[in-house]
Amino acid sequence: MAVLMTAPSVYAATPPPLGMADSFSILSGTYSNTTSGTTINGDLGYTTPPATSPTVNGTTHVADATYNQAGIDQGTALSALNSQPCTFTFAPGAIDLASDTTHGVAGVYAPGVYCISGAASIGGGGTITLTGSGTYIFRMTGALTTTANSVVAVAGGASACNVWWTPGAATTLGANSTFGGTDIDASGITIGNSVIWTGRALAFGGTVSTDSDTISSSACATSSSTSTSTGTNLSAVPKTPGLPNTGQSQPAHTSSIKDLAFLGIFSAGMMLVRAVRKRA
């Protein structure tokens, strides 16, 4: 029982609070858009404006107090994501998430923290499917690239609102691709033509470039850790009544340890009762 009582706890990946950055579809230092047809469903923030204005179904913040605080909150969220332990670590080097089989079935991912020492891609116009309710964090030291016509799909209760990307170098999304999640990348984010993106492009201090795209954070705003987006099932990490709200789920073995402890106390009590009766 002593061994069980000291067994290490395993926690699920958890989404960070985004603060003021929560409502932004695009947050950048310089925002570049040279063609018409881009739609932003959510807030837009920048210091340097685009040549061609997009359609913004939200509020545009130009280097105001909200914008500056959102930039601070972006950095805080990135630190929280990078502090979480890896669920799976790929072999060093560039990884194609669509074809890799070292983590499991090619192109299929369960909730967790996936760590890459190098660049990551979704290659060959392929698809990755995130399946299961929970948080997905893809952390790489290099660039993030998706090829033309690639897809990030969700299934089995997964939601794009609970997907997080934290590249160490620039992000580039291929034309006609479908992407999901919040990408925090101050190195810059380039979005190819006719991309559909559910989530956020957060590059405060860097450049975000669009080209007749649709970027929607409005489905996820009001805190991705607790909200439910239209048409998707956003799962919050369950909280334990009576315990501090840490945002972490309980270890799976908690109940069994309590049961064993109770049985041990009960057995000791019964032995004491028998001893007393014997003396009487």
C-alpha atoms as a PDB file:
ATOM      1  CA  MET A   1       0.000   0.000   0.000  1.00  0.00           C
ATOM      2  CA  ALA A   2       2.948   2.324   0.714  1.00  0.00           C
ATOM      3  CA  VAL A   3       4.120   1.879  -2.885  1.00  0.00           C
ATOM      4  CA  LEU A   4       0.679   2.696  -4.234  1.00  0.00           C
ATOM      5  CA  MET A   5       0.355   5.758  -2.014  1.00  0.00           C
ATOM      6  CA  THR A   6       3.589   7.214  -3.434  1.00  0.00           C
ATOM      7  CA  ALA A   7       2.922   6.305  -7.099  1.00  0.00           C
ATOM      8  CA  PRO A   8       3.494   9.272  -9.464  1.00  0.00           C
ATOM      9  CA  SER A   9       0.462  11.175 -10.713  1.00  0.00           C
ATOM     10  CA  VAL A  10      -0.131  11.503 -14.444  1.00  0.00           C
ATOM     11  CA  TYR A  11      -2.053  14.599 -15.517  1.00  0.00           C
ATOM     12  CA  ALA A  12      -3.785  15.314 -18.791  1.00  0.00           C
ATOM     13  CA  ALA A  13      -2.681  18.183 -21.018  1.00  0.00           C
ATOM     14  CA  THR A  14      -4.499  21.377 -20.065  1.00  0.00           C
ATOM     15  CA  PRO A  15      -5.393  24.496 -22.058  1.00  0.00           C
ATOM     16  CA  PRO A  16      -3.889  27.783 -20.843  1.00  0.00           C
ATOM     17  CA  PRO A  17      -5.952  30.869 -20.060  1.00  0.00           C
ATOM     18  CA  LEU A  18      -5.609  33.367 -22.902  1.00  0.00           C
ATOM     19  CA  GLY A  19      -6.821  36.488 -21.116  1.00  0.00           C
ATOM     20  CA  MET A  20      -7.274  39.393 -23.514  1.00  0.00           C
ATOM     21  CA  ALA A  21      -5.892  37.332 -26.397  1.00  0.00           C
ATOM     22  CA  ASP A  22      -8.892  34.999 -26.215  1.00  0.00           C
ATOM     23  CA  SER A  23     -11.128  37.003 -28.575  1.00  0.00           C
ATOM     24  CA  PHE A  24      -8.523  37.601 -31.294  1.00  0.00           C
ATOM     25  CA  SER A  25      -8.526  35.717 -34.580  1.00  0.00           C
ATOM     26  CA  ILE A  26      -5.342  37.532 -35.596  1.00  0.00           C
ATOM     27  CA  LEU A  27      -2.918  39.262 -33.252  1.00  0.00           C
ATOM     28  CA  SER A  28       0.227  40.613 -34.906  1.00  0.00           C
ATOM     29  CA  GLY A  29       2.797  43.379 -34.979  1.00  0.00           C
ATOM     30  CA  THR A  30       2.434  43.804 -38.741  1.00  0.00           C
ATOM     31  CA  TYR A  31      -0.673  42.547 -40.505  1.00  0.00           C
ATOM     32  CA  SER A  32      -0.264  41.974 -44.249  1.00  0.00           C
ATOM     33  CA  ASN A  33      -3.211  41.473 -46.597  1.00  0.00           C
ATOM     34  CA  THR A  34      -2.969  42.558 -50.229  1.00  0.00           C
ATOM     35  CA  THR A  35      -6.099  40.990 -51.759  1.00  0.00           C
ATOM     36  CA  SER A  36      -9.808  41.193 -51.046  1.00  0.00           C
ATOM     37  CA  GLY A  37     -11.818  38.264 -49.753  1.00  0.00           C
ATOM     38  CA  THR A  38     -10.313  37.689 -46.301  1.00  0.00           C
ATOM     39  CA  THR A  39     -12.868  37.331 -43.494  1.00  0.00           C
ATOM     40  CA  ILE A  40     -11.942  37.476 -39.819  1.00  0.00           C
ATOM     41  CA  ASN A  41     -14.586  36.193 -37.418  1.00  0.00           C
ATOM     42  CA  GLY A  42     -13.250  37.584 -34.178  1.00  0.00           C
ATOM     43  CA  ASP A  43     -11.001  40.473 -33.190  1.00  0.00           C
ATOM     44  CA  LEU A  44      -8.046  41.762 -35.186  1.00  0.00           C
ATOM     45  CA  GLY A  45      -5.004  43.452 -33.669  1.00  0.00           C
ATOM     46  CA  TYR A  46      -1.910  45.050 -35.193  1.00  0.00           C
ATOM     47  CA  THR A  47       0.490  47.996 -35.103  1.00  0.00           C
ATOM     48  CA  THR A  48       1.149  48.214 -38.867  1.00  0.00           C
ATOM     49  CA  PRO A  49      -2.043  47.925 -40.983  1.00  0.00           C
ATOM     50  CA  PRO A  50      -2.644  45.917 -44.184  1.00  0.00           C
ATOM     51  CA  ALA A  51      -2.748  47.360 -47.703  1.00  0.00           C
ATOM     52  CA  THR A  52      -6.217  45.871 -48.204  1.00  0.00           C
ATOM     53  CA  SER A  53      -8.635  45.740 -45.294  1.00  0.00           C
ATOM     54  CA  PRO A  54     -10.340  42.409 -44.555  1.00  0.00           C
ATOM     55  CA  THR A  55     -13.918  41.944 -43.438  1.00  0.00           C
ATOM     56  CA  VAL A  56     -13.776  41.912 -39.646  1.00  0.00           C
ATOM     57  CA  ASN A  57     -16.712  40.499 -37.699  1.00  0.00           C
ATOM     58  CA  GLY A  58     -15.288  41.719 -34.417  1.00  0.00           C
ATOM     59  CA  THR A  59     -13.244  44.643 -33.122  1.00  0.00           C
ATOM     60  CA  THR A  60     -10.049  45.965 -34.682  1.00  0.00           C
ATOM     61  CA  HIS A  61      -7.458  47.036 -32.109  1.00  0.00           C
ATOM     62  CA  VAL A  62      -4.614  49.225 -33.356  1.00  0.00           C
ATOM     63  CA  ALA A  63      -1.869  49.252 -30.713  1.00  0.00           C
ATOM     64  CA  ASP A  64      -4.352  50.126 -27.960  1.00  0.00           C
ATOM     65  CA  ALA A  65      -4.450  48.943 -24.331  1.00  0.00           C
ATOM     66  CA  THR A  66      -6.404  45.786 -25.179  1.00  0.00           C
ATOM     67  CA  TYR A  67      -3.928  44.925 -27.913  1.00  0.00           C
ATOM     68  CA  ASN A  68      -0.928  45.402 -25.631  1.00  0.00           C
ATOM     69  CA  GLN A  69      -2.449  43.323 -22.842  1.00  0.00           C
ATOM     70  CA  ALA A  70      -3.333  40.605 -25.354  1.00  0.00           C
ATOM     71  CA  GLY A  71       0.341  40.478 -26.326  1.00  0.00           C
ATOM     72  CA  ILE A  72       1.343  39.975 -22.690  1.00  0.00           C
ATOM     73  CA  ASP A  73      -1.303  37.287 -22.290  1.00  0.00           C
ATOM     74  CA  GLN A  74      -0.074  35.550 -25.452  1.00  0.00           C
ATOM     75  CA  GLY A  75       3.359  35.213 -23.852  1.00  0.00           C
ATOM     76  CA  THR A  76       1.889  33.906 -20.603  1.00  0.00           C
ATOM     77  CA  ALA A  77      -0.147  31.292 -22.466  1.00  0.00           C
ATOM     78  CA  LEU A  78       2.922  30.174 -24.428  1.00  0.00           C
ATOM     79  CA  SER A  79       4.896  29.698 -21.206  1.00  0.00           C
ATOM     80  CA  ALA A  80       2.056  27.614 -19.751  1.00  0.00           C
ATOM     81  CA  LEU A  81       1.953  25.404 -22.842  1.00  0.00           C
ATOM     82  CA  ASN A  82       5.727  24.928 -22.937  1.00  0.00           C
ATOM     83  CA  SER A  83       5.846  23.947 -19.257  1.00  0.00           C
ATOM     84  CA  GLN A  84       3.672  20.860 -19.682  1.00  0.00           C
ATOM     85  CA  PRO A  85       5.407  17.455 -19.793  1.00  0.00           C
ATOM     86  CA  CYS A  86       5.518  15.565 -23.086  1.00  0.00           C
ATOM     87  CA  THR A  87       3.049  12.721 -23.599  1.00  0.00           C
ATOM     88  CA  PHE A  88       5.004  11.550 -26.639  1.00  0.00           C
ATOM     89  CA  THR A  89       8.411  12.642 -27.920  1.00  0.00           C
ATOM     90  CA  PHE A  90       9.251  12.026 -31.577  1.00  0.00           C
ATOM     91  CA  ALA A  91      12.730  11.057 -32.715  1.00  0.00           C
ATOM     92  CA  PRO A  92      14.877  14.142 -33.382  1.00  0.00           C
ATOM     93  CA  GLY A  93      14.474  15.703 -36.814  1.00  0.00           C
ATOM     94  CA  ALA A  94      11.660  16.860 -39.084  1.00  0.00           C
ATOM     95  CA  ILE A  95       8.329  15.072 -38.568  1.00  0.00           C
ATOM     96  CA  ASP A  96       5.455  14.719 -41.027  1.00  0.00           C
ATOM     97  CA  LEU A  97       2.456  14.419 -38.724  1.00  0.00           C
ATOM     98  CA  ALA A  98       0.316  12.985 -41.540  1.00  0.00           C
ATOM     99  CA  SER A  99       2.559   9.984 -42.208  1.00  0.00           C
ATOM    100  CA  ASP A 100       4.368   9.317 -38.902  1.00  0.00           C
ATOM    101  CA  THR A 101       3.633   5.923 -37.317  1.00  0.00           C
ATOM    102  CA  THR A 102       6.005   6.025 -34.335  1.00  0.00           C
ATOM    103  CA  HIS A 103       3.315   7.601 -32.158  1.00  0.00           C
ATOM    104  CA  GLY A 104       0.580   5.189 -33.321  1.00  0.00           C
ATOM    105  CA  VAL A 105      -1.752   4.984 -36.349  1.00  0.00           C
ATOM    106  CA  ALA A 106      -0.595   7.294 -39.142  1.00  0.00           C
ATOM    107  CA  GLY A 107      -2.376  10.635 -39.044  1.00  0.00           C
ATOM    108  CA  VAL A 108      -4.443   9.850 -35.931  1.00  0.00           C
ATOM    109  CA  TYR A 109      -3.755  11.556 -32.603  1.00  0.00           C
ATOM    110  CA  ALA A 110      -5.265  11.259 -29.140  1.00  0.00           C
ATOM    111  CA  PRO A 111      -5.238  14.135 -26.625  1.00  0.00           C
ATOM    112  CA  GLY A 112      -1.788  14.863 -25.224  1.00  0.00           C
ATOM    113  CA  VAL A 113       1.423  16.845 -25.561  1.00  0.00           C
ATOM    114  CA  TYR A 114       3.459  15.952 -28.666  1.00  0.00           C
ATOM    115  CA  CYS A 115       7.073  17.154 -28.614  1.00  0.00           C
ATOM    116  CA  ILE A 116       9.245  17.545 -31.715  1.00  0.00           C
ATOM    117  CA  SER A 117      12.945  18.462 -31.769  1.00  0.00           C
ATOM    118  CA  GLY A 118      12.872  19.961 -35.237  1.00  0.00           C
ATOM    119  CA  ALA A 119      10.303  21.094 -37.785  1.00  0.00           C
ATOM    120  CA  ALA A 120       6.782  19.690 -38.150  1.00  0.00           C
ATOM    121  CA  SER A 121       4.582  19.429 -41.213  1.00  0.00           C
ATOM    122  CA  ILE A 122       1.354  18.035 -42.553  1.00  0.00           C
ATOM    123  CA  GLY A 123       2.732  16.846 -45.850  1.00  0.00           C
ATOM    124  CA  GLY A 124       1.470  15.583 -49.164  1.00  0.00           C
ATOM    125  CA  GLY A 125      -1.907  17.259 -48.878  1.00  0.00           C
ATOM    126  CA  GLY A 126      -2.583  14.781 -46.100  1.00  0.00           C
ATOM    127  CA  THR A 127      -4.986  14.755 -43.181  1.00  0.00           C
ATOM    128  CA  ILE A 128      -4.418  14.452 -39.466  1.00  0.00           C
ATOM    129  CA  THR A 129      -7.395  13.489 -37.315  1.00  0.00           C
ATOM    130  CA  LEU A 130      -7.521  14.509 -33.676  1.00  0.00           C
ATOM    131  CA  THR A 131      -9.884  12.120 -31.978  1.00  0.00           C
ATOM    132  CA  GLY A 132     -11.201  12.186 -28.432  1.00  0.00           C
ATOM    133  CA  SER A 133     -12.270  14.849 -25.975  1.00  0.00           C
ATOM    134  CA  GLY A 134      -9.339  16.679 -24.397  1.00  0.00           C
ATOM    135  CA  THR A 135      -6.433  19.019 -25.076  1.00  0.00           C
ATOM    136  CA  TYR A 136      -3.912  18.649 -27.903  1.00  0.00           C
ATOM    137  CA  ILE A 137      -0.555  20.435 -27.770  1.00  0.00           C
ATOM    138  CA  PHE A 138       1.942  20.190 -30.632  1.00  0.00           C
ATOM    139  CA  ARG A 139       5.267  21.659 -29.523  1.00  0.00           C
ATOM    140  CA  MET A 140       8.169  21.890 -31.974  1.00  0.00           C
ATOM    141  CA  THR A 141      11.525  23.650 -31.898  1.00  0.00           C
ATOM    142  CA  GLY A 142      11.417  24.362 -35.637  1.00  0.00           C
ATOM    143  CA  ALA A 143       8.910  25.631 -38.192  1.00  0.00           C
ATOM    144  CA  LEU A 144       5.333  24.446 -38.756  1.00  0.00           C
ATOM    145  CA  THR A 145       4.309  23.885 -42.393  1.00  0.00           C
ATOM    146  CA  THR A 146       1.144  22.490 -43.935  1.00  0.00           C
ATOM    147  CA  THR A 147       0.963  21.641 -47.626  1.00  0.00           C
ATOM    148  CA  ALA A 148      -1.760  22.637 -50.074  1.00  0.00           C
ATOM    149  CA  ASN A 149      -5.099  20.865 -49.537  1.00  0.00           C
ATOM    150  CA  SER A 150      -4.031  19.427 -46.165  1.00  0.00           C
ATOM    151  CA  VAL A 151      -6.601  19.020 -43.403  1.00  0.00           C
ATOM    152  CA  VAL A 152      -6.676  19.125 -39.620  1.00  0.00           C
ATOM    153  CA  ALA A 153      -9.847  17.222 -38.721  1.00  0.00           C
ATOM    154  CA  VAL A 154     -11.512  16.582 -35.360  1.00  0.00           C
ATOM    155  CA  ALA A 155     -13.569  13.557 -34.326  1.00  0.00           C
ATOM    156  CA  GLY A 156     -14.889  11.725 -31.287  1.00  0.00           C
ATOM    157  CA  GLY A 157     -15.559  14.830 -29.193  1.00  0.00           C
ATOM    158  CA  ALA A 158     -12.368  16.687 -30.097  1.00  0.00           C
ATOM    159  CA  SER A 159     -12.574  20.412 -30.797  1.00  0.00           C
ATOM    160  CA  ALA A 160     -10.340  22.773 -32.734  1.00  0.00           C
ATOM    161  CA  CYS A 161     -10.751  25.141 -29.791  1.00  0.00           C
ATOM    162  CA  ASN A 162      -8.645  22.808 -27.651  1.00  0.00           C
ATOM    163  CA  VAL A 163      -5.768  22.391 -30.114  1.00  0.00           C
ATOM    164  CA  TRP A 164      -2.524  24.315 -29.584  1.00  0.00           C
ATOM    165  CA  TRP A 165       0.556  24.780 -31.781  1.00  0.00           C
ATOM    166  CA  THR A 166       3.784  26.342 -30.471  1.00  0.00           C
ATOM    167  CA  PRO A 167       6.438  26.407 -33.236  1.00  0.00           C
ATOM    168  CA  GLY A 168       9.934  27.678 -32.555  1.00  0.00           C
ATOM    169  CA  ALA A 169      10.165  29.127 -36.071  1.00  0.00           C
ATOM    170  CA  ALA A 170       7.695  30.519 -38.616  1.00  0.00           C
ATOM    171  CA  THR A 171       4.331  28.963 -39.518  1.00  0.00           C
ATOM    172  CA  THR A 172       3.265  28.534 -43.159  1.00  0.00           C
ATOM    173  CA  LEU A 173      -0.133  27.140 -44.160  1.00  0.00           C
ATOM    174  CA  GLY A 174      -0.603  25.832 -47.703  1.00  0.00           C
ATOM    175  CA  ALA A 175      -3.323  27.038 -50.081  1.00  0.00           C
ATOM    176  CA  ASN A 176      -6.799  25.521 -49.893  1.00  0.00           C
ATOM    177  CA  SER A 177      -5.981  23.833 -46.593  1.00  0.00           C
ATOM    178  CA  THR A 178      -8.179  23.409 -43.535  1.00  0.00           C
ATOM    179  CA  PHE A 179      -6.494  24.159 -40.244  1.00  0.00           C
ATOM    180  CA  GLY A 180      -7.600  24.087 -36.618  1.00  0.00           C
ATOM    181  CA  GLY A 181      -6.311  25.347 -33.305  1.00  0.00           C
ATOM    182  CA  THR A 182      -4.493  28.278 -31.764  1.00  0.00           C
ATOM    183  CA  ASP A 183      -1.041  28.863 -33.233  1.00  0.00           C
ATOM    184  CA  ILE A 184       1.225  30.984 -31.008  1.00  0.00           C
ATOM    185  CA  ASP A 185       4.180  32.009 -33.132  1.00  0.00           C
ATOM    186  CA  ALA A 186       5.944  35.366 -32.792  1.00  0.00           C
ATOM    187  CA  SER A 187       8.278  34.289 -35.626  1.00  0.00           C
ATOM    188  CA  GLY A 188       5.418  34.997 -38.039  1.00  0.00           C
ATOM    189  CA  ILE A 189       2.461  33.240 -39.635  1.00  0.00           C
ATOM    190  CA  THR A 190       1.863  33.084 -43.394  1.00  0.00           C
ATOM    191  CA  ILE A 191      -1.543  31.830 -44.514  1.00  0.00           C
ATOM    192  CA  GLY A 192      -1.874  30.692 -48.137  1.00  0.00           C
ATOM    193  CA  ASN A 193      -4.805  31.412 -50.420  1.00  0.00           C
ATOM    194  CA  SER A 194      -8.301  30.146 -49.511  1.00  0.00           C
ATOM    195  CA  VAL A 195      -7.385  28.646 -46.131  1.00  0.00           C
ATOM    196  CA  ILE A 196     -10.194  27.866 -43.685  1.00  0.00           C
ATOM    197  CA  TRP A 197      -8.903  28.190 -40.123  1.00  0.00           C
ATOM    198  CA  THR A 198     -10.922  27.596 -36.960  1.00  0.00           C
ATOM    199  CA  GLY A 199      -8.875  29.091 -34.167  1.00  0.00           C
ATOM    200  CA  ARG A 200      -6.355  31.889 -33.704  1.00  0.00           C
ATOM    201  CA  ALA A 201      -3.198  33.232 -35.343  1.00  0.00           C
ATOM    202  CA  LEU A 202      -1.326  34.822 -32.441  1.00  0.00           C
ATOM    203  CA  ALA A 203       1.927  36.434 -33.522  1.00  0.00           C
ATOM    204  CA  PHE A 204       2.219  39.540 -31.346  1.00  0.00           C
ATOM    205  CA  GLY A 205       5.543  41.124 -32.236  1.00  0.00           C
ATOM    206  CA  GLY A 206       5.649  39.306 -35.586  1.00  0.00           C
ATOM    207  CA  THR A 207       3.870  39.394 -38.954  1.00  0.00           C
ATOM    208  CA  VAL A 208       0.664  37.643 -39.997  1.00  0.00           C
ATOM    209  CA  SER A 209      -0.067  37.462 -43.749  1.00  0.00           C
ATOM    210  CA  THR A 210      -3.422  36.436 -45.243  1.00  0.00           C
ATOM    211  CA  ASP A 211      -4.694  35.860 -48.780  1.00  0.00           C
ATOM    212  CA  SER A 212      -8.480  35.518 -49.260  1.00  0.00           C
ATOM    213  CA  ASP A 213      -8.801  33.366 -46.155  1.00  0.00           C
ATOM    214  CA  THR A 214     -11.341  32.786 -43.388  1.00  0.00           C
ATOM    215  CA  ILE A 215     -10.042  32.773 -39.816  1.00  0.00           C
ATOM    216  CA  SER A 216     -12.567  32.227 -37.038  1.00  0.00           C
ATOM    217  CA  SER A 217     -11.895  32.473 -33.328  1.00  0.00           C
ATOM    218  CA  SER A 218     -15.451  33.537 -32.501  1.00  0.00           C
ATOM    219  CA  ALA A 219     -16.505  29.902 -32.045  1.00  0.00           C
ATOM    220  CA  CYS A 220     -13.830  29.502 -29.357  1.00  0.00           C
ATOM    221  CA  ALA A 221     -13.856  32.885 -27.606  1.00  0.00           C
ATOM    222  CA  THR A 222     -15.045  33.188 -23.984  1.00  0.00           C
ATOM    223  CA  SER A 223     -12.110  31.091 -22.788  1.00  0.00           C
ATOM    224  CA  SER A 224     -11.168  27.973 -24.683  1.00  0.00           C
ATOM    225  CA  SER A 225     -10.778  26.045 -21.453  1.00  0.00           C
ATOM    226  CA  THR A 226     -14.467  26.305 -20.582  1.00  0.00           C
ATOM    227  CA  SER A 227     -16.520  27.317 -23.624  1.00  0.00           C
ATOM    228  CA  THR A 228     -18.502  25.173 -26.033  1.00  0.00           C
ATOM    229  CA  SER A 229     -18.235  26.101 -29.698  1.00  0.00           C
ATOM    230  CA  THR A 230     -21.078  25.738 -32.172  1.00  0.00           C
ATOM    231  CA  GLY A 231     -21.007  22.352 -33.865  1.00  0.00           C
ATOM    232  CA  THR A 232     -18.149  21.004 -31.777  1.00  0.00           C
ATOM    233  CA  ASN A 233     -17.784  19.518 -28.332  1.00  0.00           C
ATOM    234  CA  LEU A 234     -15.205  21.515 -26.425  1.00  0.00           C
ATOM    235  CA  SER A 235     -14.170  19.531 -23.405  1.00  0.00           C
ATOM    236  CA  ALA A 236     -13.025  21.259 -20.255  1.00  0.00           C
ATOM    237  CA  VAL A 237     -10.730  19.350 -17.917  1.00  0.00           C
ATOM    238  CA  PRO A 238     -12.919  18.029 -15.053  1.00  0.00           C
ATOM    239  CA  LYS A 239     -12.461  19.778 -11.746  1.00  0.00           C
ATOM    240  CA  THR A 240     -12.562  18.007  -8.387  1.00  0.00           C
ATOM    241  CA  PRO A 241     -15.164  19.350  -5.890  1.00  0.00           C
ATOM    242  CA  GLY A 242     -13.542  20.518  -2.690  1.00  0.00           C
ATOM    243  CA  LEU A 243     -10.059  20.832  -4.191  1.00  0.00           C
ATOM    244  CA  PRO A 244      -8.335  23.898  -5.651  1.00  0.00           C
ATOM    245  CA  ASN A 245      -9.288  24.532  -9.260  1.00  0.00           C
ATOM    246  CA  THR A 246      -5.895  23.761 -10.783  1.00  0.00           C
ATOM    247  CA  GLY A 247      -7.201  22.897 -14.237  1.00  0.00           C
ATOM    248  CA  GLN A 248      -5.724  19.403 -13.910  1.00  0.00           C
ATOM    249  CA  SER A 249      -7.660  16.178 -13.829  1.00  0.00           C
ATOM    250  CA  GLN A 250      -7.243  13.735 -10.975  1.00  0.00           C
ATOM    251  CA  PRO A 251      -4.858  10.821 -11.380  1.00  0.00           C
ATOM    252  CA  ALA A 252      -6.701   7.728 -12.525  1.00  0.00           C
ATOM    253  CA  HIS A 253      -5.513   5.753  -9.473  1.00  0.00           C
ATOM    254  CA  THR A 254      -6.878   8.161  -6.814  1.00  0.00           C
ATOM    255  CA  SER A 255     -10.068   6.237  -6.086  1.00  0.00           C
ATOM    256  CA  SER A 256      -8.334   2.867  -5.820  1.00  0.00           C
ATOM    257  CA  ILE A 257      -5.810   4.259  -3.334  1.00  0.00           C
ATOM    258  CA  LYS A 258      -8.612   5.618  -1.161  1.00  0.00           C
ATOM    259  CA  ASP A 259     -10.385   2.265  -1.275  1.00  0.00           C
ATOM    260  CA  LEU A 260      -7.233   0.388  -0.258  1.00  0.00           C
ATOM    261  CA  ALA A 261      -6.588   2.808   2.575  1.00  0.00           C
ATOM    262  CA  PHE A 262     -10.136   2.346   3.833  1.00  0.00           C
ATOM    263  CA  LEU A 263      -9.828  -1.430   3.683  1.00  0.00           C
ATOM    264  CA  GLY A 264      -6.558  -1.273   5.602  1.00  0.00           C
ATOM    265  CA  ILE A 265      -8.103   0.833   8.381  1.00  0.00           C
ATOM    266  CA  PHE A 266     -11.180  -1.391   8.478  1.00  0.00           C
ATOM    267  CA  SER A 267      -9.076  -4.562   8.755  1.00  0.00           C
ATOM    268  CA  ALA A 268      -6.985  -3.081  11.565  1.00  0.00           C
ATOM    269  CA  GLY A 269     -10.150  -2.137  13.430  1.00  0.00           C
ATOM    270  CA  MET A 270     -11.557  -5.648  13.128  1.00  0.00           C
ATOM    271  CA  MET A 271      -8.318  -7.147  14.453  1.00  0.00           C
ATOM    272  CA  LEU A 272      -8.482  -4.830  17.472  1.00  0.00           C
ATOM    273  CA  VAL A 273     -12.078  -5.852  18.178  1.00  0.00           C
ATOM    274  CA  ARG A 274     -11.129  -9.534  18.038  1.00  0.00           C
ATOM    275  CA  ALA A 275      -8.214  -8.955  20.416  1.00  0.00           C
ATOM    276  CA  VAL A 276     -10.452  -7.195  22.962  1.00  0.00           C
ATOM    277  CA  ARG A 277     -13.042  -9.985  22.832  1.00  0.00           C
ATOM    278  CA  LYS A 278     -10.336 -12.620  23.315  1.00  0.00           C
ATOM    279  CA  ARG A 279      -9.067 -10.925  26.478  1.00  0.00           C
ATOM    280  CA  ALA A 280     -12.623 -10.662  27.819  1.00  0.00           C
END
